[in-house]
Amino acid sequence: MEYYVDQTCRTVYKGHEAIAMTRKEFAILMLLMHNRGKPLDVVTIYEQVWEEQYLPSSQNTVMVHILHLRKKLEDDPARPRLIRTVWGRGYQMDA
């Protein structure tokens, strides 16, 4: 599946279909895209997107947003190919 990102309008297209995203989901996606192929830990994602200090209770916040992104972008969210979990390291965009 092909994706197109319109950064000006903050819109992501999967094929010709626009995908509704929250500001935080879009910000996480952009961060992962700009670091494609490189795993980003939860602390980095949280502090860059939320622009505040990471606390241990923030881990679930990032995880839930990644889950939502996968449901919106992946053909099979249970077997993600676009946003992958790198065990012990964080999340990585491969496409």
N, C-alpha and C. Protein backbone atom coordinates (compact mmCIF):
# COMPACT_ATOMS: atom_id res chain seq x y z
N MET A 1 0.85 -1.18 0.00
CA MET A 1 0.00 0.00 0.00
C MET A 1 0.89 1.24 0.00
N GLU A 2 0.50 2.22 -0.77
CA GLU A 2 1.25 3.47 -0.83
C GLU A 2 0.66 4.50 0.12
N TYR A 3 1.55 5.28 0.73
CA TYR A 3 1.15 6.34 1.63
C TYR A 3 1.66 7.66 1.10
N TYR A 4 0.90 8.71 1.38
CA TYR A 4 1.31 10.06 1.02
C TYR A 4 1.04 10.94 2.23
N VAL A 5 2.00 11.76 2.60
CA VAL A 5 1.84 12.65 3.74
C VAL A 5 1.87 14.09 3.25
N ASP A 6 0.81 14.82 3.55
CA ASP A 6 0.74 16.25 3.26
C ASP A 6 1.02 16.97 4.58
N GLN A 7 2.26 17.39 4.77
CA GLN A 7 2.64 18.00 6.05
C GLN A 7 1.98 19.34 6.28
N THR A 8 1.70 20.06 5.21
CA THR A 8 1.05 21.37 5.34
C THR A 8 -0.35 21.23 5.92
N CYS A 9 -1.10 20.26 5.42
CA CYS A 9 -2.48 20.04 5.88
C CYS A 9 -2.55 19.04 7.02
N ARG A 10 -1.40 18.46 7.39
CA ARG A 10 -1.35 17.43 8.42
C ARG A 10 -2.31 16.29 8.11
N THR A 11 -2.20 15.79 6.89
CA THR A 11 -3.07 14.72 6.43
C THR A 11 -2.23 13.58 5.87
N VAL A 12 -2.65 12.37 6.18
CA VAL A 12 -1.99 11.17 5.65
C VAL A 12 -3.00 10.45 4.77
N TYR A 13 -2.54 10.02 3.61
CA TYR A 13 -3.38 9.28 2.68
C TYR A 13 -2.85 7.87 2.55
N LYS A 14 -3.75 6.92 2.64
CA LYS A 14 -3.43 5.51 2.37
C LYS A 14 -4.11 5.22 1.04
N GLY A 15 -3.31 5.15 -0.01
CA GLY A 15 -3.90 5.11 -1.35
C GLY A 15 -4.52 6.48 -1.60
N HIS A 16 -5.81 6.50 -1.90
CA HIS A 16 -6.52 7.77 -2.11
C HIS A 16 -7.38 8.16 -0.92
N GLU A 17 -7.32 7.36 0.14
CA GLU A 17 -8.16 7.58 1.31
C GLU A 17 -7.42 8.40 2.37
N ALA A 18 -8.03 9.52 2.78
CA ALA A 18 -7.46 10.33 3.86
C ALA A 18 -7.70 9.62 5.19
N ILE A 19 -6.68 9.61 6.03
CA ILE A 19 -6.78 8.96 7.33
C ILE A 19 -6.83 10.03 8.40
N ALA A 20 -7.87 10.01 9.21
CA ALA A 20 -8.02 10.97 10.29
C ALA A 20 -7.02 10.64 11.39
N MET A 21 -6.29 11.66 11.83
CA MET A 21 -5.30 11.48 12.89
C MET A 21 -5.37 12.65 13.86
N THR A 22 -5.05 12.33 15.12
CA THR A 22 -4.93 13.40 16.10
C THR A 22 -3.59 14.11 15.88
N ARG A 23 -3.43 15.26 16.50
CA ARG A 23 -2.16 16.00 16.38
C ARG A 23 -0.98 15.16 16.90
N LYS A 24 -1.21 14.48 18.01
CA LYS A 24 -0.14 13.67 18.60
C LYS A 24 0.21 12.49 17.69
N GLU A 25 -0.78 11.81 17.15
CA GLU A 25 -0.52 10.70 16.23
C GLU A 25 0.30 11.19 15.03
N PHE A 26 -0.10 12.32 14.48
CA PHE A 26 0.61 12.86 13.32
C PHE A 26 2.05 13.23 13.70
N ALA A 27 2.23 13.81 14.88
CA ALA A 27 3.57 14.20 15.33
C ALA A 27 4.46 12.97 15.54
N ILE A 28 3.90 11.90 16.10
CA ILE A 28 4.67 10.66 16.27
C ILE A 28 5.05 10.10 14.91
N LEU A 29 4.10 10.09 13.99
CA LEU A 29 4.37 9.58 12.64
C LEU A 29 5.50 10.37 11.98
N MET A 30 5.45 11.69 12.07
CA MET A 30 6.50 12.52 11.47
C MET A 30 7.86 12.26 12.12
N LEU A 31 7.87 12.11 13.43
CA LEU A 31 9.12 11.83 14.14
C LEU A 31 9.70 10.50 13.68
N LEU A 32 8.86 9.48 13.58
CA LEU A 32 9.33 8.17 13.12
C LEU A 32 9.79 8.23 11.66
N MET A 33 9.07 8.98 10.84
CA MET A 33 9.46 9.11 9.43
C MET A 33 10.82 9.80 9.28
N HIS A 34 11.03 10.84 10.06
CA HIS A 34 12.30 11.58 9.97
C HIS A 34 13.47 10.77 10.53
N ASN A 35 13.16 9.70 11.25
CA ASN A 35 14.19 8.82 11.81
C ASN A 35 14.04 7.41 11.26
N ARG A 36 13.53 7.31 10.05
CA ARG A 36 13.27 6.02 9.41
C ARG A 36 14.48 5.08 9.51
N GLY A 37 14.19 3.83 9.89
CA GLY A 37 15.23 2.82 10.00
C GLY A 37 16.01 2.86 11.31
N LYS A 38 15.66 3.81 12.17
CA LYS A 38 16.37 3.97 13.45
C LYS A 38 15.35 3.82 14.58
N PRO A 39 15.60 2.91 15.53
CA PRO A 39 14.65 2.77 16.64
C PRO A 39 14.69 4.00 17.55
N LEU A 40 13.51 4.44 17.95
CA LEU A 40 13.39 5.56 18.89
C LEU A 40 12.77 5.04 20.18
N ASP A 41 13.40 5.35 21.29
CA ASP A 41 12.86 4.88 22.56
C ASP A 41 11.66 5.72 22.97
N VAL A 42 10.92 5.17 23.93
CA VAL A 42 9.68 5.81 24.39
C VAL A 42 9.96 7.19 24.99
N VAL A 43 11.07 7.33 25.70
CA VAL A 43 11.42 8.61 26.31
C VAL A 43 11.60 9.68 25.24
N THR A 44 12.34 9.35 24.19
CA THR A 44 12.58 10.30 23.10
C THR A 44 11.27 10.68 22.43
N ILE A 45 10.45 9.69 22.12
CA ILE A 45 9.16 9.97 21.47
C ILE A 45 8.32 10.88 22.34
N TYR A 46 8.19 10.53 23.62
CA TYR A 46 7.36 11.32 24.52
C TYR A 46 7.86 12.76 24.64
N GLU A 47 9.14 12.91 24.92
CA GLU A 47 9.67 14.26 25.14
C GLU A 47 9.64 15.12 23.89
N GLN A 48 9.80 14.53 22.72
CA GLN A 48 9.75 15.30 21.47
C GLN A 48 8.32 15.68 21.10
N VAL A 49 7.39 14.76 21.30
CA VAL A 49 6.00 15.00 20.87
C VAL A 49 5.22 15.80 21.91
N TRP A 50 5.34 15.45 23.17
CA TRP A 50 4.57 16.13 24.21
C TRP A 50 5.30 17.36 24.74
N GLU A 51 6.58 17.50 24.42
CA GLU A 51 7.39 18.64 24.83
C GLU A 51 7.35 18.86 26.34
N GLU A 52 7.47 17.75 27.06
CA GLU A 52 7.58 17.80 28.51
C GLU A 52 8.41 16.61 28.98
N GLN A 53 8.84 16.67 30.22
CA GLN A 53 9.71 15.61 30.73
C GLN A 53 8.96 14.29 30.84
N TYR A 54 9.62 13.23 30.44
CA TYR A 54 9.06 11.88 30.51
C TYR A 54 9.02 11.42 31.96
N LEU A 55 7.91 10.80 32.33
CA LEU A 55 7.76 10.14 33.62
C LEU A 55 7.43 8.68 33.33
N PRO A 56 7.78 7.75 34.21
CA PRO A 56 7.49 6.34 33.94
C PRO A 56 6.02 6.07 33.59
N SER A 57 5.12 6.84 34.14
CA SER A 57 3.69 6.66 33.85
C SER A 57 3.34 7.06 32.41
N SER A 58 4.26 7.72 31.72
CA SER A 58 4.01 8.17 30.34
C SER A 58 4.19 7.06 29.31
N GLN A 59 4.77 5.93 29.70
CA GLN A 59 5.04 4.85 28.75
C GLN A 59 3.76 4.37 28.08
N ASN A 60 2.69 4.21 28.87
CA ASN A 60 1.42 3.75 28.29
C ASN A 60 0.87 4.75 27.30
N THR A 61 1.10 6.02 27.53
CA THR A 61 0.61 7.06 26.62
C THR A 61 1.19 6.85 25.22
N VAL A 62 2.49 6.65 25.15
CA VAL A 62 3.14 6.43 23.85
C VAL A 62 2.64 5.13 23.23
N MET A 63 2.58 4.08 24.03
CA MET A 63 2.15 2.77 23.53
C MET A 63 0.75 2.83 22.93
N VAL A 64 -0.17 3.51 23.59
CA VAL A 64 -1.54 3.63 23.09
C VAL A 64 -1.58 4.40 21.78
N HIS A 65 -0.81 5.47 21.68
CA HIS A 65 -0.78 6.24 20.43
C HIS A 65 -0.18 5.43 19.28
N ILE A 66 0.85 4.63 19.56
CA ILE A 66 1.42 3.76 18.54
C ILE A 66 0.38 2.73 18.10
N LEU A 67 -0.34 2.17 19.06
CA LEU A 67 -1.41 1.20 18.74
C LEU A 67 -2.46 1.83 17.83
N HIS A 68 -2.86 3.05 18.13
CA HIS A 68 -3.85 3.75 17.29
C HIS A 68 -3.30 3.99 15.88
N LEU A 69 -2.04 4.39 15.80
CA LEU A 69 -1.42 4.59 14.48
C LEU A 69 -1.40 3.29 13.68
N ARG A 70 -1.05 2.21 14.34
CA ARG A 70 -1.02 0.91 13.65
C ARG A 70 -2.40 0.52 13.14
N LYS A 71 -3.42 0.74 13.95
CA LYS A 71 -4.79 0.41 13.52
C LYS A 71 -5.20 1.24 12.31
N LYS A 72 -4.72 2.46 12.24
CA LYS A 72 -5.09 3.33 11.13
C LYS A 72 -4.26 3.08 9.87
N LEU A 73 -3.00 2.67 10.04
CA LEU A 73 -2.10 2.58 8.90
C LEU A 73 -1.81 1.16 8.41
N GLU A 74 -1.74 0.23 9.31
CA GLU A 74 -1.31 -1.13 8.95
C GLU A 74 -2.46 -1.93 8.35
N ASP A 75 -2.12 -2.79 7.38
CA ASP A 75 -3.11 -3.72 6.84
C ASP A 75 -3.49 -4.75 7.90
N ASP A 76 -2.52 -5.18 8.70
CA ASP A 76 -2.74 -6.12 9.79
C ASP A 76 -2.02 -5.56 11.02
N PRO A 77 -2.74 -4.81 11.86
CA PRO A 77 -2.10 -4.18 13.02
C PRO A 77 -1.44 -5.17 13.98
N ALA A 78 -1.90 -6.42 13.97
CA ALA A 78 -1.31 -7.44 14.84
C ALA A 78 0.08 -7.86 14.34
N ARG A 79 0.33 -7.63 13.06
CA ARG A 79 1.64 -7.94 12.45
C ARG A 79 2.14 -6.69 11.72
N PRO A 80 2.53 -5.69 12.48
CA PRO A 80 2.92 -4.41 11.86
C PRO A 80 4.16 -4.53 10.99
N ARG A 81 4.10 -3.89 9.85
CA ARG A 81 5.24 -3.85 8.94
C ARG A 81 5.77 -2.43 8.77
N LEU A 82 4.93 -1.46 9.07
CA LEU A 82 5.30 -0.06 8.90
C LEU A 82 5.97 0.49 10.17
N ILE A 83 5.28 0.35 11.29
CA ILE A 83 5.81 0.79 12.59
C ILE A 83 6.05 -0.45 13.42
N ARG A 84 7.31 -0.76 13.60
CA ARG A 84 7.71 -2.01 14.23
C ARG A 84 8.23 -1.76 15.64
N THR A 85 7.96 -2.70 16.54
CA THR A 85 8.54 -2.66 17.87
C THR A 85 9.91 -3.32 17.80
N VAL A 86 10.92 -2.62 18.28
CA VAL A 86 12.27 -3.17 18.38
C VAL A 86 12.48 -3.47 19.86
N TRP A 87 12.43 -4.75 20.21
CA TRP A 87 12.44 -5.16 21.60
C TRP A 87 13.61 -4.54 22.36
N GLY A 88 13.29 -3.91 23.49
CA GLY A 88 14.31 -3.31 24.33
C GLY A 88 14.85 -1.98 23.83
N ARG A 89 14.38 -1.53 22.66
CA ARG A 89 14.91 -0.29 22.07
C ARG A 89 13.82 0.76 21.84
N GLY A 90 12.63 0.34 21.40
CA GLY A 90 11.56 1.29 21.12
C GLY A 90 10.80 0.95 19.86
N TYR A 91 10.49 1.97 19.07
CA TYR A 91 9.70 1.81 17.85
C TYR A 91 10.50 2.32 16.66
N GLN A 92 10.26 1.67 15.53
CA GLN A 92 11.01 2.02 14.32
C GLN A 92 10.10 1.96 13.11
N MET A 93 10.22 2.95 12.24
CA MET A 93 9.50 2.94 10.98
C MET A 93 10.41 2.32 9.93
N ASP A 94 9.88 1.33 9.23
CA ASP A 94 10.68 0.61 8.25
C ASP A 94 10.35 0.97 6.82
N ALA A 95 9.17 1.45 6.56
CA ALA A 95 8.77 1.71 5.17
C ALA A 95 9.23 3.07 4.71
